[in-house]
Amino acid sequence: MTMIERAAYPLNEAAELLGGLHRGTLYNMKKRGELRFVKIGRRSMIPADEIRRLVGITTTGPDHDSEL
């Protein structure tokens, strides 16, 4: 089975990936310019590259984590 990488995550899933943060924390981070949201329809999503940036995962090289 091939895993397809997501381009963005809903806020609840992104919060969990970022260590169980509260949704309110994500909104505060957005307000301070620390986190970028994208809108898809009426939903706010967090791009996978933003999650990688926050947790310090590189997207190049042999240690590339393909699950985000």
Protein backbone atom coordinates (compact mmCIF):
# COMPACT_ATOMS: atom_id res chain seq x y z
CA MET A 1 0.00 0.00 0.00
CA THR A 2 1.31 3.44 -0.93
CA MET A 3 0.90 6.27 1.57
CA ILE A 4 -0.08 9.59 0.01
CA GLU A 5 1.29 12.61 1.83
CA ARG A 6 -1.26 15.19 2.89
CA ALA A 7 -0.76 18.77 1.86
CA ALA A 8 -2.61 20.16 4.89
CA TYR A 9 -4.21 18.98 8.12
CA PRO A 10 -7.42 20.02 9.90
CA LEU A 11 -6.75 21.97 13.10
CA ASN A 12 -7.60 19.04 15.40
CA GLU A 13 -5.13 16.72 13.67
CA ALA A 14 -2.46 19.42 13.42
CA ALA A 15 -2.82 20.14 17.14
CA GLU A 16 -2.29 16.45 17.90
CA LEU A 17 0.75 16.25 15.61
CA LEU A 18 2.22 19.26 17.41
CA GLY A 19 2.20 17.49 20.75
CA GLY A 20 -1.43 17.75 21.77
CA LEU A 21 -1.73 21.52 21.62
CA HIS A 22 -5.12 23.13 22.19
CA ARG A 23 -6.89 24.63 19.15
CA GLY A 24 -6.82 28.00 20.93
CA THR A 25 -3.04 27.81 21.06
CA LEU A 26 -2.96 27.34 17.28
CA TYR A 27 -5.17 30.42 16.80
CA ASN A 28 -2.92 32.43 19.14
CA MET A 29 0.14 31.31 17.17
CA LYS A 30 -1.58 32.41 13.96
CA LYS A 31 -2.42 35.80 15.49
CA ARG A 32 1.26 36.30 16.48
CA GLY A 33 2.42 35.33 12.97
CA GLU A 34 4.05 32.10 14.16
CA LEU A 35 1.79 29.73 12.22
CA ARG A 36 0.24 29.92 8.77
CA PHE A 37 -3.29 28.70 8.15
CA VAL A 38 -4.88 28.11 4.75
CA LYS A 39 -8.59 28.14 4.01
CA ILE A 40 -10.06 25.33 1.95
CA GLY A 41 -13.70 26.19 1.50
CA ARG A 42 -14.83 27.17 4.98
CA ARG A 43 -12.25 25.00 6.77
CA SER A 44 -9.04 26.29 8.28
CA MET A 45 -6.16 23.92 7.64
CA ILE A 46 -2.47 23.91 8.55
CA PRO A 47 -0.08 23.06 5.72
CA ALA A 48 2.15 20.04 6.33
CA ASP A 49 5.25 22.16 5.71
CA GLU A 50 4.24 24.42 8.62
CA ILE A 51 4.01 21.43 10.94
CA ARG A 52 7.41 20.20 9.76
CA ARG A 53 8.92 23.65 10.32
CA LEU A 54 7.58 23.85 13.86
CA VAL A 55 8.84 20.43 14.87
CA GLY A 56 12.13 20.82 13.02
CA ILE A 57 11.69 18.02 10.49
CA THR A 58 13.70 18.46 7.33
CA THR A 59 12.10 17.68 3.97
CA THR A 60 15.38 16.82 2.26
CA GLY A 61 18.02 14.20 2.81
CA PRO A 62 17.97 10.66 4.16
CA ASP A 63 16.08 11.56 7.36
CA HIS A 64 13.03 12.82 5.47
CA ASP A 65 9.87 11.91 7.37
CA SER A 66 7.23 10.97 4.81
CA GLU A 67 4.33 10.65 7.24
CA LEU A 68 3.56 14.38 7.47
